[in-house]
Amino acid sequence: MKKIRGGIDQLRKKGLDKNVLLDSLILSPSCGLGTFDPGRAQEVFELLSQTSSLIKKS
C-alpha cells in the first residue's frame, strides 16, 4: 500500500483531487487468474476488495 499511497501523493502534488483519485482507483488481479479454481479466484477478489477499502480509508 505504500507504493499506492506514494503514487496518489505524487498525483496530488500535480493538482489532482485525492477524492477523485480514490473514487477512480481500480485494482485488478494479475494475469492468469483464469487458471485458478473458482474458490481460490473468489479469495483473490475478496482480498482485492479489502485492499481497496483500506486504501480508500487511509
Protein backbone atom coordinates (compact mmCIF):
# COMPACT_ATOMS: atom_id res chain seq x y z
CA MET A 1 0.00 0.00 0.00
CA LYS A 2 2.98 2.25 0.49
CA LYS A 3 3.56 2.41 -3.28
CA ILE A 4 -0.07 3.24 -3.99
CA ARG A 5 -0.11 5.99 -1.37
CA GLY A 6 3.12 7.36 -2.82
CA GLY A 7 1.59 7.44 -6.28
CA ILE A 8 -1.52 9.18 -5.01
CA ASP A 9 0.65 11.76 -3.22
CA GLN A 10 2.61 12.39 -6.44
CA LEU A 11 -0.61 12.99 -8.37
CA ARG A 12 -1.98 15.26 -5.63
CA LYS A 13 1.18 17.38 -5.89
CA LYS A 14 0.36 17.82 -9.57
CA GLY A 15 -3.06 19.21 -8.65
CA LEU A 16 -5.34 16.19 -8.81
CA ASP A 17 -8.00 15.85 -6.15
CA LYS A 18 -7.45 12.97 -3.71
CA ASN A 19 -11.14 12.05 -3.60
CA VAL A 20 -11.33 11.87 -7.40
CA LEU A 21 -8.24 9.66 -7.45
CA LEU A 22 -9.62 7.31 -4.80
CA ASP A 23 -13.02 7.13 -6.48
CA SER A 24 -11.31 6.26 -9.77
CA LEU A 25 -8.92 3.71 -8.30
CA ILE A 26 -9.17 0.27 -9.90
CA LEU A 27 -7.36 -2.77 -8.54
CA SER A 28 -7.17 -5.88 -10.65
CA PRO A 29 -5.67 -9.33 -10.17
CA SER A 30 -2.59 -10.41 -12.02
CA CYS A 31 -2.88 -12.21 -15.32
CA GLY A 32 -3.53 -15.93 -15.02
CA LEU A 33 -6.43 -15.84 -12.59
CA GLY A 34 -8.46 -17.88 -15.08
CA THR A 35 -6.34 -20.92 -14.24
CA PHE A 36 -7.39 -20.80 -10.56
CA ASP A 37 -10.21 -22.91 -9.23
CA PRO A 38 -13.35 -20.82 -8.55
CA GLY A 39 -12.92 -20.83 -4.77
CA ARG A 40 -9.37 -19.57 -4.96
CA ALA A 41 -10.30 -16.94 -7.54
CA GLN A 42 -13.06 -15.70 -5.21
CA GLU A 43 -10.47 -15.34 -2.42
CA VAL A 44 -8.33 -13.18 -4.69
CA PHE A 45 -11.25 -10.88 -5.48
CA GLU A 46 -12.17 -10.63 -1.80
CA LEU A 47 -8.60 -9.63 -0.96
CA LEU A 48 -8.65 -7.01 -3.72
CA SER A 49 -11.89 -5.62 -2.33
CA GLN A 50 -10.45 -5.44 1.20
CA THR A 51 -7.29 -3.78 -0.10
CA SER A 52 -9.34 -1.20 -1.99
CA SER A 53 -11.33 -0.41 1.15
CA LEU A 54 -8.14 0.03 3.20
CA ILE A 55 -6.64 2.37 0.63
CA LYS A 56 -9.79 4.48 0.45
CA LYS A 57 -9.95 4.79 4.25
CA SER A 58 -6.33 5.97 4.57
